[in-house]
């Protein structure tokens, strides 16, 4: 286990040897990571499994589920 951690750290150190903060590819990678994280957070919110679940009222996926199962059938009948 220690050997694999050592290899992982050595690989990370190697990446930082040529580190240039003004490199445009670094900015692109950071933007891509932020967009991907936003997608993950949005999906969690819809599923109701995010870290900011409101316990006072239904939101996100719980609200969508309620509307779909309680209101939608009545709207179809209309």
PDB file of N, CA and C in Angstrom:
ATOM      1  N   UNK A   1       0.832  -1.195   0.000  1.00  0.00           N
ATOM      2  CA  UNK A   1       0.000   0.000   0.000  1.00  0.00           C
ATOM      3  C   UNK A   1       0.877   1.260   0.000  1.00  0.00           C
ATOM      4  N   UNK A   2       1.911   1.238   0.817  1.00  0.00           N
ATOM      5  CA  UNK A   2       2.824   2.380   0.867  1.00  0.00           C
ATOM      6  C   UNK A   2       3.524   2.590  -0.472  1.00  0.00           C
ATOM      7  N   UNK A   3       3.885   1.485  -1.112  1.00  0.00           N
ATOM      8  CA  UNK A   3       4.558   1.571  -2.408  1.00  0.00           C
ATOM      9  C   UNK A   3       3.652   2.226  -3.444  1.00  0.00           C
ATOM     10  N   UNK A   4       2.375   1.874  -3.448  1.00  0.00           N
ATOM     11  CA  UNK A   4       1.456   2.477  -4.417  1.00  0.00           C
ATOM     12  C   UNK A   4       1.238   3.956  -4.107  1.00  0.00           C
ATOM     13  N   UNK A   5       1.204   4.320  -2.812  1.00  0.00           N
ATOM     14  CA  UNK A   5       1.081   5.723  -2.443  1.00  0.00           C
ATOM     15  C   UNK A   5       2.314   6.506  -2.875  1.00  0.00           C
ATOM     16  N   UNK A   6       3.473   5.888  -2.699  1.00  0.00           N
ATOM     17  CA  UNK A   6       4.719   6.531  -3.108  1.00  0.00           C
ATOM     18  C   UNK A   6       4.729   6.778  -4.617  1.00  0.00           C
ATOM     19  N   UNK A   7       4.330   5.784  -5.397  1.00  0.00           N
ATOM     20  CA  UNK A   7       4.282   5.942  -6.848  1.00  0.00           C
ATOM     21  C   UNK A   7       3.295   7.036  -7.248  1.00  0.00           C
ATOM     22  N   UNK A   8       2.177   7.082  -6.565  1.00  0.00           N
ATOM     23  CA  UNK A   8       1.179   8.101  -6.853  1.00  0.00           C
ATOM     24  C   UNK A   8       1.714   9.499  -6.559  1.00  0.00           C
ATOM     25  N   UNK A   9       2.382   9.646  -5.430  1.00  0.00           N
ATOM     26  CA  UNK A   9       2.953  10.944  -5.065  1.00  0.00           C
ATOM     27  C   UNK A   9       4.078  11.351  -6.010  1.00  0.00           C
ATOM     28  N   UNK A  10       4.892  10.394  -6.412  1.00  0.00           N
ATOM     29  CA  UNK A  10       5.975  10.699  -7.358  1.00  0.00           C
ATOM     30  C   UNK A  10       5.404  11.168  -8.697  1.00  0.00           C
ATOM     31  N   UNK A  11       4.326  10.548  -9.115  1.00  0.00           N
ATOM     32  CA  UNK A  11       3.680  10.944 -10.365  1.00  0.00           C
ATOM     33  C   UNK A  11       3.121  12.364 -10.249  1.00  0.00           C
ATOM     34  N   UNK A  12       2.532  12.669  -9.103  1.00  0.00           N
ATOM     35  CA  UNK A  12       1.996  14.010  -8.876  1.00  0.00           C
ATOM     36  C   UNK A  12       3.106  15.048  -8.838  1.00  0.00           C
ATOM     37  N   UNK A  13       4.210  14.725  -8.194  1.00  0.00           N
ATOM     38  CA  UNK A  13       5.365  15.639  -8.132  1.00  0.00           C
ATOM     39  C   UNK A  13       5.889  15.893  -9.539  1.00  0.00           C
ATOM     40  N   UNK A  14       5.941  14.862 -10.349  1.00  0.00           N
ATOM     41  CA  UNK A  14       6.434  14.997 -11.721  1.00  0.00           C
ATOM     42  C   UNK A  14       5.570  15.982 -12.513  1.00  0.00           C
ATOM     43  N   UNK A  15       4.250  15.952 -12.282  1.00  0.00           N
ATOM     44  CA  UNK A  15       3.360  16.877 -12.980  1.00  0.00           C
ATOM     45  C   UNK A  15       3.634  18.320 -12.580  1.00  0.00           C
ATOM     46  N   UNK A  16       3.986  18.545 -11.326  1.00  0.00           N
ATOM     47  CA  UNK A  16       4.209  19.906 -10.843  1.00  0.00           C
ATOM     48  C   UNK A  16       5.596  20.453 -11.158  1.00  0.00           C
ATOM     49  N   UNK A  17       6.497  19.622 -11.634  1.00  0.00           N
ATOM     50  CA  UNK A  17       7.827  20.112 -11.985  1.00  0.00           C
ATOM     51  C   UNK A  17       7.761  21.125 -13.116  1.00  0.00           C
ATOM     52  N   UNK A  18       6.875  20.906 -14.062  1.00  0.00           N
ATOM     53  CA  UNK A  18       6.734  21.806 -15.207  1.00  0.00           C
ATOM     54  C   UNK A  18       5.507  22.702 -15.070  1.00  0.00           C
ATOM     55  N   UNK A  19       5.098  22.965 -13.865  1.00  0.00           N
ATOM     56  CA  UNK A  19       3.891  23.747 -13.590  1.00  0.00           C
ATOM     57  C   UNK A  19       4.054  25.195 -14.036  1.00  0.00           C
ATOM     58  N   UNK A  20       3.087  25.658 -14.814  1.00  0.00           N
ATOM     59  CA  UNK A  20       3.039  27.061 -15.231  1.00  0.00           C
ATOM     60  C   UNK A  20       1.619  27.559 -14.976  1.00  0.00           C
ATOM     61  N   UNK A  21       1.429  28.450 -14.009  1.00  0.00           N
ATOM     62  CA  UNK A  21       0.076  28.904 -13.674  1.00  0.00           C
ATOM     63  C   UNK A  21      -0.630  29.641 -14.803  1.00  0.00           C
ATOM     64  N   UNK A  22       0.124  30.240 -15.724  1.00  0.00           N
ATOM     65  CA  UNK A  22      -0.494  30.992 -16.813  1.00  0.00           C
ATOM     66  C   UNK A  22      -0.777  30.145 -18.050  1.00  0.00           C
ATOM     67  N   UNK A  23      -0.593  28.846 -17.946  1.00  0.00           N
ATOM     68  CA  UNK A  23      -0.823  27.934 -19.071  1.00  0.00           C
ATOM     69  C   UNK A  23      -2.319  27.882 -19.394  1.00  0.00           C
ATOM     70  N   UNK A  24      -2.725  28.193 -20.638  1.00  0.00           N
ATOM     71  CA  UNK A  24      -4.150  28.197 -20.991  1.00  0.00           C
ATOM     72  C   UNK A  24      -4.810  26.817 -20.860  1.00  0.00           C
ATOM     73  N   UNK A  25      -4.033  25.753 -21.036  1.00  0.00           N
ATOM     74  CA  UNK A  25      -4.638  24.431 -20.893  1.00  0.00           C
ATOM     75  C   UNK A  25      -5.037  24.172 -19.445  1.00  0.00           C
ATOM     76  N   UNK A  26      -4.327  24.773 -18.520  1.00  0.00           N
ATOM     77  CA  UNK A  26      -4.676  24.635 -17.096  1.00  0.00           C
ATOM     78  C   UNK A  26      -6.025  25.300 -16.816  1.00  0.00           C
ATOM     79  N   UNK A  27      -6.239  26.465 -17.405  1.00  0.00           N
ATOM     80  CA  UNK A  27      -7.510  27.175 -17.233  1.00  0.00           C
ATOM     81  C   UNK A  27      -8.656  26.379 -17.852  1.00  0.00           C
ATOM     82  N   UNK A  28      -8.409  25.793 -19.007  1.00  0.00           N
ATOM     83  CA  UNK A  28      -9.429  24.985 -19.667  1.00  0.00           C
ATOM     84  C   UNK A  28      -9.786  23.768 -18.822  1.00  0.00           C
ATOM     85  N   UNK A  29      -8.776  23.114 -18.284  1.00  0.00           N
ATOM     86  CA  UNK A  29      -9.001  21.951 -17.440  1.00  0.00           C
ATOM     87  C   UNK A  29      -9.792  22.335 -16.191  1.00  0.00           C
ATOM     88  N   UNK A  30      -9.447  23.473 -15.583  1.00  0.00           N
ATOM     89  CA  UNK A  30     -10.155  23.937 -14.389  1.00  0.00           C
ATOM     90  C   UNK A  30     -11.618  24.234 -14.708  1.00  0.00           C
ATOM     91  N   UNK A  31     -11.869  24.869 -15.841  1.00  0.00           N
ATOM     92  CA  UNK A  31     -13.240  25.171 -16.249  1.00  0.00           C
ATOM     93  C   UNK A  31     -14.021  23.885 -16.483  1.00  0.00           C
ATOM     94  N   UNK A  32     -13.415  22.926 -17.145  1.00  0.00           N
ATOM     95  CA  UNK A  32     -14.063  21.652 -17.402  1.00  0.00           C
ATOM     96  C   UNK A  32     -14.405  20.944 -16.090  1.00  0.00           C
ATOM     97  N   UNK A  33     -13.493  20.966 -15.134  1.00  0.00           N
ATOM     98  CA  UNK A  33     -13.750  20.343 -13.844  1.00  0.00           C
ATOM     99  C   UNK A  33     -14.896  21.030 -13.116  1.00  0.00           C
ATOM    100  N   UNK A  34     -14.963  22.363 -13.200  1.00  0.00           N
ATOM    101  CA  UNK A  34     -16.055  23.087 -12.551  1.00  0.00           C
ATOM    102  C   UNK A  34     -17.400  22.745 -13.185  1.00  0.00           C
ATOM    103  N   UNK A  35     -17.433  22.666 -14.511  1.00  0.00           N
ATOM    104  CA  UNK A  35     -18.672  22.327 -15.205  1.00  0.00           C
ATOM    105  C   UNK A  35     -19.107  20.910 -14.848  1.00  0.00           C
ATOM    106  N   UNK A  36     -18.171  19.982 -14.809  1.00  0.00           N
ATOM    107  CA  UNK A  36     -18.499  18.610 -14.443  1.00  0.00           C
ATOM    108  C   UNK A  36     -19.014  18.536 -13.009  1.00  0.00           C
ATOM    109  N   UNK A  37     -18.394  19.267 -12.093  1.00  0.00           N
ATOM    110  CA  UNK A  37     -18.845  19.270 -10.699  1.00  0.00           C
ATOM    111  C   UNK A  37     -20.234  19.878 -10.582  1.00  0.00           C
ATOM    112  N   UNK A  38     -20.500  20.930 -11.375  1.00  0.00           N
ATOM    113  CA  UNK A  38     -21.835  21.525 -11.390  1.00  0.00           C
ATOM    114  C   UNK A  38     -22.866  20.494 -11.824  1.00  0.00           C
ATOM    115  N   UNK A  39     -22.536  19.711 -12.850  1.00  0.00           N
ATOM    116  CA  UNK A  39     -23.448  18.663 -13.316  1.00  0.00           C
ATOM    117  C   UNK A  39     -23.726  17.638 -12.234  1.00  0.00           C
ATOM    118  N   UNK A  40     -22.695  17.235 -11.524  1.00  0.00           N
ATOM    119  CA  UNK A  40     -22.853  16.259 -10.434  1.00  0.00           C
ATOM    120  C   UNK A  40     -23.725  16.849  -9.328  1.00  0.00           C
ATOM    121  N   UNK A  41     -23.454  18.094  -8.944  1.00  0.00           N
ATOM    122  CA  UNK A  41     -24.236  18.750  -7.894  1.00  0.00           C
ATOM    123  C   UNK A  41     -25.693  18.919  -8.313  1.00  0.00           C
ATOM    124  N   UNK A  42     -25.924  19.278  -9.567  1.00  0.00           N
ATOM    125  CA  UNK A  42     -27.279  19.454 -10.083  1.00  0.00           C
ATOM    126  C   UNK A  42     -28.036  18.131 -10.051  1.00  0.00           C
ATOM    127  N   UNK A  43     -27.375  17.065 -10.469  1.00  0.00           N
ATOM    128  CA  UNK A  43     -28.002  15.739 -10.460  1.00  0.00           C
ATOM    129  C   UNK A  43     -28.351  15.320  -9.037  1.00  0.00           C
ATOM    130  N   UNK A  44     -27.459  15.576  -8.087  1.00  0.00           N
ATOM    131  CA  UNK A  44     -27.734  15.242  -6.692  1.00  0.00           C
ATOM    132  C   UNK A  44     -28.931  16.030  -6.167  1.00  0.00           C
ATOM    133  N   UNK A  45     -29.030  17.283  -6.573  1.00  0.00           N
ATOM    134  CA  UNK A  45     -30.150  18.116  -6.141  1.00  0.00           C
ATOM    135  C   UNK A  45     -31.464  17.557  -6.674  1.00  0.00           C
ATOM    136  N   UNK A  46     -31.478  17.158  -7.932  1.00  0.00           N
ATOM    137  CA  UNK A  46     -32.682  16.591  -8.534  1.00  0.00           C
ATOM    138  C   UNK A  46     -33.054  15.281  -7.854  1.00  0.00           C
ATOM    139  N   UNK A  47     -32.050  14.471  -7.539  1.00  0.00           N
ATOM    140  CA  UNK A  47     -32.311  13.196  -6.875  1.00  0.00           C
ATOM    141  C   UNK A  47     -32.686  13.381  -5.411  1.00  0.00           C
ATOM    142  N   UNK A  48     -32.370  14.541  -4.851  1.00  0.00           N
ATOM    143  CA  UNK A  48     -32.632  14.776  -3.436  1.00  0.00           C
ATOM    144  C   UNK A  48     -31.556  14.209  -2.539  1.00  0.00           C
ATOM    145  N   UNK A  49     -30.383  13.943  -3.090  1.00  0.00           N
ATOM    146  CA  UNK A  49     -29.307  13.350  -2.294  1.00  0.00           C
ATOM    147  C   UNK A  49     -28.139  14.306  -2.080  1.00  0.00           C
ATOM    148  N   UNK A  50     -28.353  15.582  -2.353  1.00  0.00           N
ATOM    149  CA  UNK A  50     -27.283  16.558  -2.173  1.00  0.00           C
ATOM    150  C   UNK A  50     -27.054  16.861  -0.706  1.00  0.00           C
ATOM    151  N   UNK A  51     -26.057  17.671  -0.432  1.00  0.00           N
ATOM    152  CA  UNK A  51     -25.741  18.006   0.953  1.00  0.00           C
ATOM    153  C   UNK A  51     -26.591  19.155   1.481  1.00  0.00           C
ATOM    154  N   UNK A  52     -27.432  19.739   0.647  1.00  0.00           N
ATOM    155  CA  UNK A  52     -28.305  20.823   1.075  1.00  0.00           C
ATOM    156  C   UNK A  52     -29.768  20.447   0.878  1.00  0.00           C
ATOM    157  N   UNK A  53     -30.198  19.390   1.535  1.00  0.00           N
ATOM    158  CA  UNK A  53     -31.568  18.924   1.417  1.00  0.00           C
ATOM    159  C   UNK A  53     -32.437  19.719   2.378  1.00  0.00           C
ATOM    160  N   UNK A  54     -33.499  20.307   1.850  1.00  0.00           N
ATOM    161  CA  UNK A  54     -34.413  21.103   2.665  1.00  0.00           C
ATOM    162  C   UNK A  54     -35.405  20.163   3.349  1.00  0.00           C
ATOM    163  N   UNK A  55     -35.482  20.237   4.663  1.00  0.00           N
ATOM    164  CA  UNK A  55     -36.399  19.363   5.406  1.00  0.00           C
ATOM    165  C   UNK A  55     -37.716  20.060   5.707  1.00  0.00           C
ATOM    166  N   UNK A  56     -37.834  21.347   5.410  1.00  0.00           N
ATOM    167  CA  UNK A  56     -39.063  22.081   5.686  1.00  0.00           C
ATOM    168  C   UNK A  56     -40.090  21.928   4.564  1.00  0.00           C
ATOM    169  N   UNK A  57     -39.634  21.809   3.326  1.00  0.00           N
ATOM    170  CA  UNK A  57     -40.557  21.641   2.210  1.00  0.00           C
ATOM    171  C   UNK A  57     -39.914  20.794   1.118  1.00  0.00           C
ATOM    172  N   UNK A  58     -40.757  20.232   0.272  1.00  0.00           N
ATOM    173  CA  UNK A  58     -40.259  19.390  -0.814  1.00  0.00           C
ATOM    174  C   UNK A  58     -39.533  20.246  -1.837  1.00  0.00           C
ATOM    175  N   UNK A  59     -38.431  19.720  -2.352  1.00  0.00           N
ATOM    176  CA  UNK A  59     -37.690  20.414  -3.394  1.00  0.00           C
ATOM    177  C   UNK A  59     -36.996  19.382  -4.263  1.00  0.00           C
ATOM    178  N   UNK A  60     -36.502  19.837  -5.385  1.00  0.00           N
ATOM    179  CA  UNK A  60     -35.740  18.965  -6.275  1.00  0.00           C
ATOM    180  C   UNK A  60     -36.553  17.781  -6.756  1.00  0.00           C
ATOM    181  N   UNK A  61     -35.924  16.616  -6.707  1.00  0.00           N
ATOM    182  CA  UNK A  61     -36.547  15.395  -7.203  1.00  0.00           C
ATOM    183  C   UNK A  61     -37.795  15.007  -6.439  1.00  0.00           C
ATOM    184  N   UNK A  62     -37.836  15.285  -5.139  1.00  0.00           N
ATOM    185  CA  UNK A  62     -39.012  14.952  -4.338  1.00  0.00           C
ATOM    186  C   UNK A  62     -40.227  15.741  -4.821  1.00  0.00           C
ATOM    187  N   UNK A  63     -40.017  16.992  -5.127  1.00  0.00           N
ATOM    188  CA  UNK A  63     -41.118  17.827  -5.614  1.00  0.00           C
ATOM    189  C   UNK A  63     -41.573  17.373  -7.003  1.00  0.00           C
ATOM    190  N   UNK A  64     -40.629  17.078  -7.865  1.00  0.00           N
ATOM    191  CA  UNK A  64     -40.962  16.586  -9.209  1.00  0.00           C
ATOM    192  C   UNK A  64     -41.755  15.287  -9.098  1.00  0.00           C
ATOM    193  N   UNK A  65     -41.304  14.388  -8.218  1.00  0.00           N
ATOM    194  CA  UNK A  65     -41.991  13.114  -8.021  1.00  0.00           C
ATOM    195  C   UNK A  65     -43.424  13.329  -7.553  1.00  0.00           C
ATOM    196  N   UNK A  66     -43.607  14.218  -6.598  1.00  0.00           N
ATOM    197  CA  UNK A  66     -44.951  14.486  -6.067  1.00  0.00           C
ATOM    198  C   UNK A  66     -45.857  15.040  -7.157  1.00  0.00           C
ATOM    199  N   UNK A  67     -45.363  16.003  -7.910  1.00  0.00           N
ATOM    200  CA  UNK A  67     -46.172  16.581  -8.988  1.00  0.00           C
ATOM    201  C   UNK A  67     -46.529  15.515 -10.012  1.00  0.00           C
ATOM    202  N   UNK A  68     -45.549  14.699 -10.368  1.00  0.00           N
ATOM    203  CA  UNK A  68     -45.771  13.676 -11.389  1.00  0.00           C
ATOM    204  C   UNK A  68     -46.806  12.646 -10.943  1.00  0.00           C
ATOM    205  N   UNK A  69     -46.775  12.239  -9.669  1.00  0.00           N
ATOM    206  CA  UNK A  69     -47.678  11.191  -9.200  1.00  0.00           C
ATOM    207  C   UNK A  69     -49.005  11.707  -8.660  1.00  0.00           C
ATOM    208  N   UNK A  70     -49.067  12.929  -8.160  1.00  0.00           N
ATOM    209  CA  UNK A  70     -50.313  13.437  -7.597  1.00  0.00           C
ATOM    210  C   UNK A  70     -51.077  14.338  -8.561  1.00  0.00           C
ATOM    211  N   UNK A  71     -50.399  15.263  -9.210  1.00  0.00           N
ATOM    212  CA  UNK A  71     -51.090  16.235 -10.050  1.00  0.00           C
ATOM    213  C   UNK A  71     -51.234  15.789 -11.498  1.00  0.00           C
ATOM    214  N   UNK A  72     -50.224  15.144 -12.015  1.00  0.00           N
ATOM    215  CA  UNK A  72     -50.204  14.774 -13.433  1.00  0.00           C
ATOM    216  C   UNK A  72     -51.402  13.914 -13.855  1.00  0.00           C
ATOM    217  N   UNK A  73     -51.779  12.866 -13.081  1.00  0.00           N
ATOM    218  CA  UNK A  73     -52.948  12.061 -13.499  1.00  0.00           C
ATOM    219  C   UNK A  73     -54.222  12.901 -13.610  1.00  0.00           C
ATOM    220  N   UNK A  74     -54.429  13.844 -12.688  1.00  0.00           N
ATOM    221  CA  UNK A  74     -55.619  14.677 -12.736  1.00  0.00           C
ATOM    222  C   UNK A  74     -55.604  15.616 -13.941  1.00  0.00           C
ATOM    223  N   UNK A  75     -54.424  16.104 -14.263  1.00  0.00           N
ATOM    224  CA  UNK A  75     -54.300  16.984 -15.426  1.00  0.00           C
ATOM    225  C   UNK A  75     -54.561  16.205 -16.717  1.00  0.00           C
ATOM    226  N   UNK A  76     -54.178  14.943 -16.750  1.00  0.00           N
ATOM    227  CA  UNK A  76     -54.447  14.113 -17.927  1.00  0.00           C
ATOM    228  C   UNK A  76     -55.954  13.881 -18.096  1.00  0.00           C
ATOM    229  N   UNK A  77     -56.645  13.684 -16.989  1.00  0.00           N
ATOM    230  CA  UNK A  77     -58.075  13.446 -17.040  1.00  0.00           C
ATOM    231  C   UNK A  77     -58.794  14.685 -17.559  1.00  0.00           C
ATOM    232  N   UNK A  78     -58.332  15.872 -17.149  1.00  0.00           N
ATOM    233  CA  UNK A  78     -58.946  17.127 -17.630  1.00  0.00           C
ATOM    234  C   UNK A  78     -58.846  17.209 -19.143  1.00  0.00           C
TER     235      UNK A  78
END
